[in-house]
Amino acid sequence: MSAATTTSTVPSSSTSTGTQADPAPEAVVDAERARIDALDARIVALVRDRMEVSENIQRVRIDSGGRRVHLAREMQILDHYSTELGAPGRELARTLLRLCRGH
């Protein structure tokens, strides 16, 4: 038997990753879902932080005789999210702005 014939009988899973077998698809999905859940928890915490900061800004503006909402600033935020994430980013920014105005 030649060397070429010998190497062709090695299972592809051991040559592609260096391990005996790739993880089961269900295990990969479960692990990735756990990562998404952790990211979502961080996102929610960041949104709550943003709401608090926005409330502080609104309070300072109102206390100094200004308006609660600064439309030019909101347009900057909408444009930023749209530039970074496209049209869905703009919708995300609108949702964030609504959440942050709600206090």
C-alpha atoms as a PDB file:
ATOM      1  CA  MET A   1       0.000   0.000   0.000  1.00  0.00           C
ATOM      2  CA  SER A   2       1.415   3.440  -0.896  1.00  0.00           C
ATOM      3  CA  ALA A   3       1.675   6.447   1.444  1.00  0.00           C
ATOM      4  CA  ALA A   4      -0.994   8.286  -0.557  1.00  0.00           C
ATOM      5  CA  THR A   5      -3.450   5.436  -0.024  1.00  0.00           C
ATOM      6  CA  THR A   6      -2.710   5.378   3.707  1.00  0.00           C
ATOM      7  CA  THR A   7      -3.367   9.107   4.221  1.00  0.00           C
ATOM      8  CA  SER A   8      -6.659   8.997   2.328  1.00  0.00           C
ATOM      9  CA  THR A   9      -8.154   6.591   4.884  1.00  0.00           C
ATOM     10  CA  VAL A  10      -7.829   9.037   7.798  1.00  0.00           C
ATOM     11  CA  PRO A  11     -11.268  10.356   8.867  1.00  0.00           C
ATOM     12  CA  SER A  12     -11.836  13.909   7.715  1.00  0.00           C
ATOM     13  CA  SER A  13     -12.977  15.088  11.163  1.00  0.00           C
ATOM     14  CA  SER A  14      -9.592  14.315  12.702  1.00  0.00           C
ATOM     15  CA  THR A  15      -7.672  16.100   9.951  1.00  0.00           C
ATOM     16  CA  SER A  16      -9.909  19.187   9.792  1.00  0.00           C
ATOM     17  CA  THR A  17      -9.768  20.127  13.476  1.00  0.00           C
ATOM     18  CA  GLY A  18      -7.058  17.996  14.997  1.00  0.00           C
ATOM     19  CA  THR A  19      -9.601  16.299  17.296  1.00  0.00           C
ATOM     20  CA  GLN A  20     -11.293  12.918  17.117  1.00  0.00           C
ATOM     21  CA  ALA A  21     -14.746  14.355  16.350  1.00  0.00           C
ATOM     22  CA  ASP A  22     -16.365  17.726  15.834  1.00  0.00           C
ATOM     23  CA  PRO A  23     -18.882  18.745  18.511  1.00  0.00           C
ATOM     24  CA  ALA A  24     -22.489  17.848  17.869  1.00  0.00           C
ATOM     25  CA  PRO A  25     -24.478  20.609  16.150  1.00  0.00           C
ATOM     26  CA  GLU A  26     -26.832  20.798  19.144  1.00  0.00           C
ATOM     27  CA  ALA A  27     -23.894  21.469  21.460  1.00  0.00           C
ATOM     28  CA  VAL A  28     -22.641  24.254  19.201  1.00  0.00           C
ATOM     29  CA  VAL A  29     -26.118  25.813  19.010  1.00  0.00           C
ATOM     30  CA  ASP A  30     -26.546  25.593  22.794  1.00  0.00           C
ATOM     31  CA  ALA A  31     -23.159  27.204  23.396  1.00  0.00           C
ATOM     32  CA  GLU A  32     -23.814  29.994  20.914  1.00  0.00           C
ATOM     33  CA  ARG A  33     -27.262  30.631  22.418  1.00  0.00           C
ATOM     34  CA  ALA A  34     -25.632  30.942  25.825  1.00  0.00           C
ATOM     35  CA  ARG A  35     -23.279  33.548  24.349  1.00  0.00           C
ATOM     36  CA  ILE A  36     -26.254  35.435  22.876  1.00  0.00           C
ATOM     37  CA  ASP A  37     -28.028  35.333  26.251  1.00  0.00           C
ATOM     38  CA  ALA A  38     -24.932  36.793  27.924  1.00  0.00           C
ATOM     39  CA  LEU A  39     -24.667  39.499  25.258  1.00  0.00           C
ATOM     40  CA  ASP A  40     -28.368  40.317  25.644  1.00  0.00           C
ATOM     41  CA  ALA A  41     -27.915  40.713  29.408  1.00  0.00           C
ATOM     42  CA  ARG A  42     -25.051  43.141  28.776  1.00  0.00           C
ATOM     43  CA  ILE A  43     -27.104  45.045  26.191  1.00  0.00           C
ATOM     44  CA  VAL A  44     -30.031  45.403  28.618  1.00  0.00           C
ATOM     45  CA  ALA A  45     -27.664  46.678  31.322  1.00  0.00           C
ATOM     46  CA  LEU A  46     -26.167  49.191  28.876  1.00  0.00           C
ATOM     47  CA  VAL A  47     -29.632  50.372  27.816  1.00  0.00           C
ATOM     48  CA  ARG A  48     -30.540  50.915  31.475  1.00  0.00           C
ATOM     49  CA  ASP A  49     -27.319  52.895  31.948  1.00  0.00           C
ATOM     50  CA  ARG A  50     -28.167  54.951  28.862  1.00  0.00           C
ATOM     51  CA  MET A  51     -31.655  55.646  30.206  1.00  0.00           C
ATOM     52  CA  GLU A  52     -30.183  56.897  33.482  1.00  0.00           C
ATOM     53  CA  VAL A  53     -27.676  59.167  31.740  1.00  0.00           C
ATOM     54  CA  SER A  54     -30.401  60.511  29.455  1.00  0.00           C
ATOM     55  CA  GLU A  55     -32.642  61.209  32.450  1.00  0.00           C
ATOM     56  CA  ASN A  56     -29.812  63.178  34.090  1.00  0.00           C
ATOM     57  CA  ILE A  57     -29.253  65.221  30.926  1.00  0.00           C
ATOM     58  CA  GLN A  58     -32.966  65.948  30.599  1.00  0.00           C
ATOM     59  CA  ARG A  59     -33.189  67.029  34.248  1.00  0.00           C
ATOM     60  CA  VAL A  60     -30.235  69.421  33.868  1.00  0.00           C
ATOM     61  CA  ARG A  61     -31.686  70.924  30.688  1.00  0.00           C
ATOM     62  CA  ILE A  62     -35.142  71.416  32.213  1.00  0.00           C
ATOM     63  CA  ASP A  63     -33.715  72.842  35.462  1.00  0.00           C
ATOM     64  CA  SER A  64     -31.726  75.386  33.444  1.00  0.00           C
ATOM     65  CA  GLY A  65     -34.781  76.465  31.438  1.00  0.00           C
ATOM     66  CA  GLY A  66     -34.157  74.313  28.390  1.00  0.00           C
ATOM     67  CA  ARG A  67     -36.222  71.680  26.662  1.00  0.00           C
ATOM     68  CA  ARG A  68     -36.265  68.029  27.657  1.00  0.00           C
ATOM     69  CA  VAL A  69     -35.616  66.853  24.073  1.00  0.00           C
ATOM     70  CA  HIS A  70     -32.836  68.173  21.818  1.00  0.00           C
ATOM     71  CA  LEU A  71     -33.930  67.268  18.286  1.00  0.00           C
ATOM     72  CA  ALA A  72     -30.613  68.052  16.582  1.00  0.00           C
ATOM     73  CA  ARG A  73     -28.847  65.660  18.962  1.00  0.00           C
ATOM     74  CA  GLU A  74     -31.455  62.980  18.293  1.00  0.00           C
ATOM     75  CA  MET A  75     -30.852  63.338  14.555  1.00  0.00           C
ATOM     76  CA  GLN A  76     -27.114  62.822  15.152  1.00  0.00           C
ATOM     77  CA  ILE A  77     -27.884  59.621  17.047  1.00  0.00           C
ATOM     78  CA  LEU A  78     -30.237  58.366  14.315  1.00  0.00           C
ATOM     79  CA  ASP A  79     -27.630  59.101  11.653  1.00  0.00           C
ATOM     80  CA  HIS A  80     -24.884  57.363  13.641  1.00  0.00           C
ATOM     81  CA  TYR A  81     -26.878  54.161  14.099  1.00  0.00           C
ATOM     82  CA  SER A  82     -27.988  54.245  10.469  1.00  0.00           C
ATOM     83  CA  THR A  83     -24.403  54.641   9.284  1.00  0.00           C
ATOM     84  CA  GLU A  84     -23.164  51.810  11.494  1.00  0.00           C
ATOM     85  CA  LEU A  85     -26.053  49.346  11.087  1.00  0.00           C
ATOM     86  CA  GLY A  86     -28.142  50.456   8.109  1.00  0.00           C
ATOM     87  CA  ALA A  87     -31.902  50.987   8.177  1.00  0.00           C
ATOM     88  CA  PRO A  88     -32.470  48.514  11.046  1.00  0.00           C
ATOM     89  CA  GLY A  89     -29.933  50.530  13.062  1.00  0.00           C
ATOM     90  CA  ARG A  90     -32.042  53.634  12.591  1.00  0.00           C
ATOM     91  CA  GLU A  91     -35.049  51.746  13.963  1.00  0.00           C
ATOM     92  CA  LEU A  92     -32.958  50.569  16.899  1.00  0.00           C
ATOM     93  CA  ALA A  93     -31.939  54.172  17.606  1.00  0.00           C
ATOM     94  CA  ARG A  94     -35.590  55.276  17.486  1.00  0.00           C
ATOM     95  CA  THR A  95     -36.446  52.617  20.040  1.00  0.00           C
ATOM     96  CA  LEU A  96     -33.572  53.691  22.291  1.00  0.00           C
ATOM     97  CA  LEU A  97     -34.616  57.326  22.040  1.00  0.00           C
ATOM     98  CA  ARG A  98     -38.217  56.428  22.952  1.00  0.00           C
ATOM     99  CA  LEU A  99     -37.012  54.426  25.942  1.00  0.00           C
ATOM    100  CA  CYS A 100     -34.807  57.280  27.081  1.00  0.00           C
ATOM    101  CA  ARG A 101     -37.530  59.918  26.752  1.00  0.00           C
ATOM    102  CA  GLY A 102     -39.934  57.904  28.869  1.00  0.00           C
ATOM    103  CA  HIS A 103     -38.915  59.178  32.267  1.00  0.00           C
END
